[in-house]
């Protein structure tokens, strides 16, 4: 189990779902976690639940001012930052020719502009330290299209390109940038948007015959933040139970 003793890690979208679980697991492994979210009440409750290893800071990921204030405060109070997880996300469904422009732009603000602002703000601090790691939470819909998910796919595809570019720019300074691509993970956001019918539709193509848990995404994320991944940068770690490795057509084996 990758240890994070003494590392200072900022996690966005930490009030629920994968962000909250990642924050809790990071604290268990010895990190000081700055759990951020735009929802102050839920974020404070999550940090209190995790305990002494976590503190809450309100962050609007679509605001440069908010990013600057939070990361500078964290760096000043802790002597630097060791890791950032760009986890905050939103999803709106709808066909490309039917989606509302405002909803499309808001999703891009959270899912793409947010991580870009995080990189833009964190990289000068990490490059000056000549150490650190950033993990961007993309999606398997960053490597394949899906009907009525055009805006989400667009943002997640773009985030992978941004991550690869950041890895090339930051690498000479000893800073690593990687991506995690979750598949169908049981989170409040998925259940609110997708529902059981969506899950049932996907189940056939998931090789492991089950949906993922937030803890399993957290494990991949924390590995990439840890020193165990010291020579890994620009990578895209898929956590999807074998969904995207190919299609079964009509020949999926029966476990018996």
C-alpha atoms as a PDB file:
ATOM      1  CA  UNK A   1       0.000   0.000   0.000  1.00  0.00           C
ATOM      2  CA  UNK A   2       1.535   3.283  -1.154  1.00  0.00           C
ATOM      3  CA  UNK A   3       2.292   5.499   1.824  1.00  0.00           C
ATOM      4  CA  UNK A   4       1.923   9.267   1.853  1.00  0.00           C
ATOM      5  CA  UNK A   5       3.489  10.092   5.210  1.00  0.00           C
ATOM      6  CA  UNK A   6       3.834  13.844   5.684  1.00  0.00           C
ATOM      7  CA  UNK A   7       2.665  14.762   2.175  1.00  0.00           C
ATOM      8  CA  UNK A   8       0.380  17.777   1.780  1.00  0.00           C
ATOM      9  CA  UNK A   9      -2.334  16.935  -0.742  1.00  0.00           C
ATOM     10  CA  UNK A  10      -5.137  19.131  -2.098  1.00  0.00           C
ATOM     11  CA  UNK A  11      -8.227  17.315  -3.393  1.00  0.00           C
ATOM     12  CA  UNK A  12     -11.030  19.076  -5.255  1.00  0.00           C
ATOM     13  CA  UNK A  13     -14.640  17.923  -5.154  1.00  0.00           C
ATOM     14  CA  UNK A  14     -13.967  16.323  -1.794  1.00  0.00           C
ATOM     15  CA  UNK A  15     -17.390  16.684  -0.213  1.00  0.00           C
ATOM     16  CA  UNK A  16     -18.729  13.400  -1.588  1.00  0.00           C
ATOM     17  CA  UNK A  17     -18.102  10.412  -3.835  1.00  0.00           C
ATOM     18  CA  UNK A  18     -14.623   9.639  -5.113  1.00  0.00           C
ATOM     19  CA  UNK A  19     -13.176  12.873  -3.768  1.00  0.00           C
ATOM     20  CA  UNK A  20     -14.310  12.216  -0.222  1.00  0.00           C
ATOM     21  CA  UNK A  21     -13.111   8.611  -0.276  1.00  0.00           C
ATOM     22  CA  UNK A  22      -9.761   9.634  -1.790  1.00  0.00           C
ATOM     23  CA  UNK A  23      -9.328  12.251   0.937  1.00  0.00           C
ATOM     24  CA  UNK A  24     -10.114   9.706   3.652  1.00  0.00           C
ATOM     25  CA  UNK A  25      -7.728   7.106   2.233  1.00  0.00           C
ATOM     26  CA  UNK A  26      -4.962   9.694   1.839  1.00  0.00           C
ATOM     27  CA  UNK A  27      -5.349  10.710   5.480  1.00  0.00           C
ATOM     28  CA  UNK A  28      -5.228   7.043   6.513  1.00  0.00           C
ATOM     29  CA  UNK A  29      -1.900   6.726   4.698  1.00  0.00           C
ATOM     30  CA  UNK A  30      -0.335   9.629   6.554  1.00  0.00           C
ATOM     31  CA  UNK A  31      -1.064  12.636   4.342  1.00  0.00           C
ATOM     32  CA  UNK A  32      -2.311  16.017   5.449  1.00  0.00           C
ATOM     33  CA  UNK A  33      -5.353  16.491   3.238  1.00  0.00           C
ATOM     34  CA  UNK A  34      -6.840  19.807   2.207  1.00  0.00           C
ATOM     35  CA  UNK A  35     -10.312  18.768   1.142  1.00  0.00           C
ATOM     36  CA  UNK A  36     -11.919  21.387  -1.102  1.00  0.00           C
ATOM     37  CA  UNK A  37     -15.387  21.843  -2.522  1.00  0.00           C
ATOM     38  CA  UNK A  38     -17.762  24.617  -3.505  1.00  0.00           C
ATOM     39  CA  UNK A  39     -20.315  23.175  -1.056  1.00  0.00           C
ATOM     40  CA  UNK A  40     -18.996  24.477   2.241  1.00  0.00           C
ATOM     41  CA  UNK A  41     -21.446  22.706   4.531  1.00  0.00           C
ATOM     42  CA  UNK A  42     -20.893  19.286   2.962  1.00  0.00           C
ATOM     43  CA  UNK A  43     -17.150  19.862   2.719  1.00  0.00           C
ATOM     44  CA  UNK A  44     -16.804  20.804   6.372  1.00  0.00           C
ATOM     45  CA  UNK A  45     -18.836  17.756   7.349  1.00  0.00           C
ATOM     46  CA  UNK A  46     -16.628  15.482   5.219  1.00  0.00           C
ATOM     47  CA  UNK A  47     -13.434  16.877   6.738  1.00  0.00           C
ATOM     48  CA  UNK A  48     -14.843  16.480  10.255  1.00  0.00           C
ATOM     49  CA  UNK A  49     -15.796  12.879   9.481  1.00  0.00           C
ATOM     50  CA  UNK A  50     -12.287  12.085   8.242  1.00  0.00           C
ATOM     51  CA  UNK A  51     -10.763  13.605  11.361  1.00  0.00           C
ATOM     52  CA  UNK A  52      -7.448  15.226  12.230  1.00  0.00           C
ATOM     53  CA  UNK A  53      -5.771  14.345   8.927  1.00  0.00           C
ATOM     54  CA  UNK A  54      -8.080  16.591   6.909  1.00  0.00           C
ATOM     55  CA  UNK A  55      -9.034  20.254   6.796  1.00  0.00           C
ATOM     56  CA  UNK A  56     -11.593  21.948   4.578  1.00  0.00           C
ATOM     57  CA  UNK A  57     -11.099  24.917   2.264  1.00  0.00           C
ATOM     58  CA  UNK A  58     -13.862  26.282   0.056  1.00  0.00           C
ATOM     59  CA  UNK A  59     -12.806  26.308  -3.598  1.00  0.00           C
ATOM     60  CA  UNK A  60     -14.657  27.281  -6.752  1.00  0.00           C
ATOM     61  CA  UNK A  61     -12.642  25.386  -9.361  1.00  0.00           C
ATOM     62  CA  UNK A  62     -13.857  27.696 -12.152  1.00  0.00           C
ATOM     63  CA  UNK A  63     -12.372  30.776 -10.438  1.00  0.00           C
ATOM     64  CA  UNK A  64      -8.723  31.756 -10.784  1.00  0.00           C
ATOM     65  CA  UNK A  65      -8.974  33.957  -7.692  1.00  0.00           C
ATOM     66  CA  UNK A  66     -10.313  31.061  -5.646  1.00  0.00           C
ATOM     67  CA  UNK A  67      -7.501  28.765  -6.797  1.00  0.00           C
ATOM     68  CA  UNK A  68      -4.833  31.366  -6.052  1.00  0.00           C
ATOM     69  CA  UNK A  69      -6.142  32.049  -2.553  1.00  0.00           C
ATOM     70  CA  UNK A  70      -6.478  28.391  -1.570  1.00  0.00           C
ATOM     71  CA  UNK A  71      -3.175  27.095  -2.938  1.00  0.00           C
ATOM     72  CA  UNK A  72      -1.158  30.041  -1.659  1.00  0.00           C
ATOM     73  CA  UNK A  73      -2.683  29.626   1.800  1.00  0.00           C
ATOM     74  CA  UNK A  74      -1.889  25.916   1.764  1.00  0.00           C
ATOM     75  CA  UNK A  75       1.690  26.522   0.657  1.00  0.00           C
ATOM     76  CA  UNK A  76       2.227  29.277   3.227  1.00  0.00           C
ATOM     77  CA  UNK A  77       0.833  27.216   6.093  1.00  0.00           C
ATOM     78  CA  UNK A  78       2.609  23.975   5.213  1.00  0.00           C
ATOM     79  CA  UNK A  79       5.840  25.027   3.575  1.00  0.00           C
ATOM     80  CA  UNK A  80       4.706  23.786   0.192  1.00  0.00           C
ATOM     81  CA  UNK A  81       2.360  21.372  -1.565  1.00  0.00           C
ATOM     82  CA  UNK A  82       3.171  17.774  -2.493  1.00  0.00           C
ATOM     83  CA  UNK A  83       0.116  16.747  -4.465  1.00  0.00           C
ATOM     84  CA  UNK A  84      -3.063  17.911  -6.184  1.00  0.00           C
ATOM     85  CA  UNK A  85      -6.007  15.783  -7.286  1.00  0.00           C
ATOM     86  CA  UNK A  86      -8.264  17.504  -9.815  1.00  0.00           C
ATOM     87  CA  UNK A  87     -11.338  15.451  -9.000  1.00  0.00           C
ATOM     88  CA  UNK A  88     -14.253  17.916  -9.062  1.00  0.00           C
ATOM     89  CA  UNK A  89     -16.630  17.142 -11.896  1.00  0.00           C
ATOM     90  CA  UNK A  90     -20.095  17.584 -13.324  1.00  0.00           C
ATOM     91  CA  UNK A  91     -22.077  15.825 -16.022  1.00  0.00           C
ATOM     92  CA  UNK A  92     -25.045  16.953 -18.079  1.00  0.00           C
ATOM     93  CA  UNK A  93     -26.659  14.634 -20.598  1.00  0.00           C
ATOM     94  CA  UNK A  94     -28.279  15.469 -23.911  1.00  0.00           C
ATOM     95  CA  UNK A  95     -27.812  15.062 -27.634  1.00  0.00           C
ATOM     96  CA  UNK A  96     -25.314  17.444 -29.228  1.00  0.00           C
ATOM     97  CA  UNK A  97     -27.994  19.234 -31.229  1.00  0.00           C
ATOM     98  CA  UNK A  98     -30.339  19.507 -28.257  1.00  0.00           C
ATOM     99  CA  UNK A  99     -28.047  20.425 -25.351  1.00  0.00           C
ATOM    100  CA  UNK A 100     -28.451  23.855 -23.803  1.00  0.00           C
ATOM    101  CA  UNK A 101     -25.427  26.079 -24.443  1.00  0.00           C
ATOM    102  CA  UNK A 102     -25.334  27.316 -20.869  1.00  0.00           C
ATOM    103  CA  UNK A 103     -25.299  23.773 -19.478  1.00  0.00           C
ATOM    104  CA  UNK A 104     -22.573  22.770 -21.930  1.00  0.00           C
ATOM    105  CA  UNK A 105     -20.368  25.716 -20.977  1.00  0.00           C
ATOM    106  CA  UNK A 106     -20.910  25.170 -17.236  1.00  0.00           C
ATOM    107  CA  UNK A 107     -19.808  21.553 -17.577  1.00  0.00           C
ATOM    108  CA  UNK A 108     -16.659  22.619 -19.433  1.00  0.00           C
ATOM    109  CA  UNK A 109     -15.976  25.204 -16.720  1.00  0.00           C
ATOM    110  CA  UNK A 110     -15.947  22.502 -14.045  1.00  0.00           C
ATOM    111  CA  UNK A 111     -14.528  19.513 -15.938  1.00  0.00           C
ATOM    112  CA  UNK A 112     -11.877  21.238 -18.081  1.00  0.00           C
ATOM    113  CA  UNK A 113     -11.318  24.870 -17.126  1.00  0.00           C
ATOM    114  CA  UNK A 114     -11.212  23.849 -13.450  1.00  0.00           C
ATOM    115  CA  UNK A 115      -8.326  21.381 -13.853  1.00  0.00           C
ATOM    116  CA  UNK A 116      -6.538  23.818 -16.170  1.00  0.00           C
ATOM    117  CA  UNK A 117      -6.737  26.530 -13.515  1.00  0.00           C
ATOM    118  CA  UNK A 118      -5.509  24.008 -10.951  1.00  0.00           C
ATOM    119  CA  UNK A 119      -2.502  23.181 -13.115  1.00  0.00           C
ATOM    120  CA  UNK A 120      -1.894  26.841 -13.910  1.00  0.00           C
ATOM    121  CA  UNK A 121      -1.886  27.757 -10.223  1.00  0.00           C
ATOM    122  CA  UNK A 122      -0.132  24.727  -8.743  1.00  0.00           C
ATOM    123  CA  UNK A 123       2.658  24.263 -11.268  1.00  0.00           C
ATOM    124  CA  UNK A 124       4.640  27.407 -10.396  1.00  0.00           C
ATOM    125  CA  UNK A 125       4.673  26.287  -6.751  1.00  0.00           C
ATOM    126  CA  UNK A 126       5.653  22.700  -7.558  1.00  0.00           C
ATOM    127  CA  UNK A 127       8.266  23.677 -10.157  1.00  0.00           C
ATOM    128  CA  UNK A 128       9.898  26.018  -7.664  1.00  0.00           C
ATOM    129  CA  UNK A 129      10.069  23.138  -5.155  1.00  0.00           C
ATOM    130  CA  UNK A 130      11.303  20.777  -7.898  1.00  0.00           C
ATOM    131  CA  UNK A 131       8.965  18.069  -6.630  1.00  0.00           C
ATOM    132  CA  UNK A 132       5.303  17.124  -6.521  1.00  0.00           C
ATOM    133  CA  UNK A 133       2.602  15.211  -8.367  1.00  0.00           C
ATOM    134  CA  UNK A 134      -0.771  16.037  -9.884  1.00  0.00           C
ATOM    135  CA  UNK A 135      -3.483  13.530 -10.768  1.00  0.00           C
ATOM    136  CA  UNK A 136      -6.288  14.600 -13.080  1.00  0.00           C
ATOM    137  CA  UNK A 137      -9.449  12.516 -12.851  1.00  0.00           C
ATOM    138  CA  UNK A 138     -10.625  12.005 -16.413  1.00  0.00           C
ATOM    139  CA  UNK A 139     -12.954   9.157 -17.454  1.00  0.00           C
ATOM    140  CA  UNK A 140     -13.193   6.235 -19.832  1.00  0.00           C
ATOM    141  CA  UNK A 141     -15.389   8.677 -21.779  1.00  0.00           C
ATOM    142  CA  UNK A 142     -12.150  10.514 -22.413  1.00  0.00           C
ATOM    143  CA  UNK A 143     -11.098   7.702 -24.750  1.00  0.00           C
ATOM    144  CA  UNK A 144     -14.423   6.749 -26.346  1.00  0.00           C
ATOM    145  CA  UNK A 145     -17.606   8.482 -27.432  1.00  0.00           C
ATOM    146  CA  UNK A 146     -21.042   7.892 -25.982  1.00  0.00           C
ATOM    147  CA  UNK A 147     -24.400   9.126 -27.211  1.00  0.00           C
ATOM    148  CA  UNK A 148     -25.878  12.024 -25.224  1.00  0.00           C
ATOM    149  CA  UNK A 149     -22.590  12.603 -23.365  1.00  0.00           C
ATOM    150  CA  UNK A 150     -21.001  14.948 -25.904  1.00  0.00           C
ATOM    151  CA  UNK A 151     -20.054  17.714 -23.507  1.00  0.00           C
ATOM    152  CA  UNK A 152     -18.667  15.324 -20.919  1.00  0.00           C
ATOM    153  CA  UNK A 153     -16.678  13.380 -23.530  1.00  0.00           C
ATOM    154  CA  UNK A 154     -15.318  16.623 -24.976  1.00  0.00           C
ATOM    155  CA  UNK A 155     -14.080  17.819 -21.599  1.00  0.00           C
ATOM    156  CA  UNK A 156     -12.524  14.484 -20.637  1.00  0.00           C
ATOM    157  CA  UNK A 157     -10.815  13.979 -24.003  1.00  0.00           C
ATOM    158  CA  UNK A 158      -9.375  17.491 -23.704  1.00  0.00           C
ATOM    159  CA  UNK A 159      -8.249  16.874 -20.133  1.00  0.00           C
ATOM    160  CA  UNK A 160      -6.086  13.957 -21.281  1.00  0.00           C
ATOM    161  CA  UNK A 161      -4.350  16.169 -23.831  1.00  0.00           C
ATOM    162  CA  UNK A 162      -3.853  18.852 -21.205  1.00  0.00           C
ATOM    163  CA  UNK A 163      -2.394  16.283 -18.806  1.00  0.00           C
ATOM    164  CA  UNK A 164       0.066  14.906 -21.359  1.00  0.00           C
ATOM    165  CA  UNK A 165       1.218  18.425 -22.230  1.00  0.00           C
ATOM    166  CA  UNK A 166       1.601  19.344 -18.562  1.00  0.00           C
ATOM    167  CA  UNK A 167       3.696  16.208 -18.002  1.00  0.00           C
ATOM    168  CA  UNK A 168       6.122  17.315 -20.722  1.00  0.00           C
ATOM    169  CA  UNK A 169       6.331  20.855 -19.385  1.00  0.00           C
ATOM    170  CA  UNK A 170       6.661  19.942 -15.702  1.00  0.00           C
ATOM    171  CA  UNK A 171       8.860  16.851 -15.992  1.00  0.00           C
ATOM    172  CA  UNK A 172      12.197  18.686 -16.231  1.00  0.00           C
ATOM    173  CA  UNK A 173      11.366  20.276 -12.859  1.00  0.00           C
ATOM    174  CA  UNK A 174      10.780  16.940 -11.146  1.00  0.00           C
ATOM    175  CA  UNK A 175       6.988  17.295 -11.190  1.00  0.00           C
ATOM    176  CA  UNK A 176       4.809  14.389 -12.370  1.00  0.00           C
ATOM    177  CA  UNK A 177       1.370  14.680 -14.011  1.00  0.00           C
ATOM    178  CA  UNK A 178      -0.850  11.632 -14.552  1.00  0.00           C
ATOM    179  CA  UNK A 179      -4.480  10.803 -15.295  1.00  0.00           C
ATOM    180  CA  UNK A 180      -6.916   8.289 -13.833  1.00  0.00           C
ATOM    181  CA  UNK A 181      -9.801   7.152 -16.036  1.00  0.00           C
ATOM    182  CA  UNK A 182     -12.629   5.645 -13.972  1.00  0.00           C
ATOM    183  CA  UNK A 183     -15.312   3.511 -15.566  1.00  0.00           C
ATOM    184  CA  UNK A 184     -18.708   2.944 -13.983  1.00  0.00           C
ATOM    185  CA  UNK A 185     -18.152   3.796 -10.336  1.00  0.00           C
ATOM    186  CA  UNK A 186     -20.892   3.800  -7.723  1.00  0.00           C
ATOM    187  CA  UNK A 187     -20.963   7.469  -6.752  1.00  0.00           C
ATOM    188  CA  UNK A 188     -23.820   9.853  -5.929  1.00  0.00           C
ATOM    189  CA  UNK A 189     -23.212  11.735  -9.204  1.00  0.00           C
ATOM    190  CA  UNK A 190     -23.527   8.589 -11.316  1.00  0.00           C
ATOM    191  CA  UNK A 191     -26.617   7.347  -9.530  1.00  0.00           C
ATOM    192  CA  UNK A 192     -28.294  10.749  -9.780  1.00  0.00           C
ATOM    193  CA  UNK A 193     -27.651  11.086 -13.516  1.00  0.00           C
ATOM    194  CA  UNK A 194     -27.595   7.516 -14.801  1.00  0.00           C
ATOM    195  CA  UNK A 195     -29.935   5.412 -12.725  1.00  0.00           C
ATOM    196  CA  UNK A 196     -30.254   1.654 -12.661  1.00  0.00           C
ATOM    197  CA  UNK A 197     -31.217   1.283 -16.324  1.00  0.00           C
ATOM    198  CA  UNK A 198     -27.902   2.800 -17.414  1.00  0.00           C
ATOM    199  CA  UNK A 199     -25.979   0.482 -15.106  1.00  0.00           C
ATOM    200  CA  UNK A 200     -27.797  -2.593 -16.375  1.00  0.00           C
ATOM    201  CA  UNK A 201     -27.021  -1.613 -19.951  1.00  0.00           C
ATOM    202  CA  UNK A 202     -23.288  -1.396 -19.230  1.00  0.00           C
ATOM    203  CA  UNK A 203     -22.988  -4.517 -17.114  1.00  0.00           C
ATOM    204  CA  UNK A 204     -22.545  -6.907 -20.032  1.00  0.00           C
ATOM    205  CA  UNK A 205     -19.335  -5.223 -21.235  1.00  0.00           C
ATOM    206  CA  UNK A 206     -17.640  -5.038 -17.828  1.00  0.00           C
ATOM    207  CA  UNK A 207     -15.266  -8.005 -17.695  1.00  0.00           C
ATOM    208  CA  UNK A 208     -15.231  -8.181 -13.893  1.00  0.00           C
ATOM    209  CA  UNK A 209     -19.044  -8.429 -13.774  1.00  0.00           C
ATOM    210  CA  UNK A 210     -19.471  -5.600 -11.277  1.00  0.00           C
ATOM    211  CA  UNK A 211     -19.296  -1.839 -10.905  1.00  0.00           C
ATOM    212  CA  UNK A 212     -16.324  -0.117  -9.370  1.00  0.00           C
ATOM    213  CA  UNK A 213     -16.084   1.308  -5.878  1.00  0.00           C
ATOM    214  CA  UNK A 214     -14.733   4.785  -5.071  1.00  0.00           C
ATOM    215  CA  UNK A 215     -12.075   3.084  -2.942  1.00  0.00           C
ATOM    216  CA  UNK A 216     -10.682   1.380  -6.044  1.00  0.00           C
ATOM    217  CA  UNK A 217     -10.290   4.679  -7.885  1.00  0.00           C
ATOM    218  CA  UNK A 218      -8.765   6.208  -4.751  1.00  0.00           C
ATOM    219  CA  UNK A 219      -6.149   3.438  -4.617  1.00  0.00           C
ATOM    220  CA  UNK A 220      -5.035   4.180  -8.175  1.00  0.00           C
ATOM    221  CA  UNK A 221      -4.964   7.925  -7.534  1.00  0.00           C
ATOM    222  CA  UNK A 222      -2.945   7.626  -4.342  1.00  0.00           C
ATOM    223  CA  UNK A 223      -0.461   5.263  -5.985  1.00  0.00           C
ATOM    224  CA  UNK A 224       0.239   7.908  -8.642  1.00  0.00           C
ATOM    225  CA  UNK A 225       0.712  10.546  -5.942  1.00  0.00           C
ATOM    226  CA  UNK A 226       3.120   8.372  -3.969  1.00  0.00           C
ATOM    227  CA  UNK A 227       6.848   7.872  -4.317  1.00  0.00           C
ATOM    228  CA  UNK A 228       6.112   4.342  -5.545  1.00  0.00           C
ATOM    229  CA  UNK A 229       5.192   6.006  -8.869  1.00  0.00           C
ATOM    230  CA  UNK A 230       8.348   8.124  -8.977  1.00  0.00           C
ATOM    231  CA  UNK A 231       9.118   7.281 -12.637  1.00  0.00           C
ATOM    232  CA  UNK A 232       5.549   7.476 -13.913  1.00  0.00           C
ATOM    233  CA  UNK A 233       4.442  10.665 -15.648  1.00  0.00           C
ATOM    234  CA  UNK A 234       2.100  11.341 -18.550  1.00  0.00           C
ATOM    235  CA  UNK A 235       0.363   8.016 -17.896  1.00  0.00           C
ATOM    236  CA  UNK A 236      -3.342   7.237 -18.161  1.00  0.00           C
ATOM    237  CA  UNK A 237      -4.435   4.610 -15.653  1.00  0.00           C
ATOM    238  CA  UNK A 238      -7.786   3.063 -16.592  1.00  0.00           C
ATOM    239  CA  UNK A 239      -9.871   1.792 -13.660  1.00  0.00           C
ATOM    240  CA  UNK A 240     -12.905   0.285 -15.349  1.00  0.00           C
ATOM    241  CA  UNK A 241     -13.080  -3.467 -14.655  1.00  0.00           C
ATOM    242  CA  UNK A 242     -12.059  -4.273 -18.226  1.00  0.00           C
ATOM    243  CA  UNK A 243     -14.886  -2.336 -19.882  1.00  0.00           C
ATOM    244  CA  UNK A 244     -12.853  -0.499 -22.524  1.00  0.00           C
ATOM    245  CA  UNK A 245     -10.391  -3.244 -23.484  1.00  0.00           C
ATOM    246  CA  UNK A 246     -12.773  -4.593 -26.110  1.00  0.00           C
ATOM    247  CA  UNK A 247     -16.263  -5.840 -26.891  1.00  0.00           C
ATOM    248  CA  UNK A 248     -17.667  -9.270 -26.103  1.00  0.00           C
ATOM    249  CA  UNK A 249     -20.195  -9.181 -28.935  1.00  0.00           C
ATOM    250  CA  UNK A 250     -22.174 -12.330 -28.035  1.00  0.00           C
ATOM    251  CA  UNK A 251     -19.415 -14.514 -26.570  1.00  0.00           C
ATOM    252  CA  UNK A 252     -18.915 -13.437 -22.960  1.00  0.00           C
ATOM    253  CA  UNK A 253     -17.780 -16.447 -20.870  1.00  0.00           C
ATOM    254  CA  UNK A 254     -20.073 -17.684 -18.115  1.00  0.00           C
ATOM    255  CA  UNK A 255     -18.386 -17.883 -14.729  1.00  0.00           C
ATOM    256  CA  UNK A 256     -20.515 -20.878 -13.750  1.00  0.00           C
END
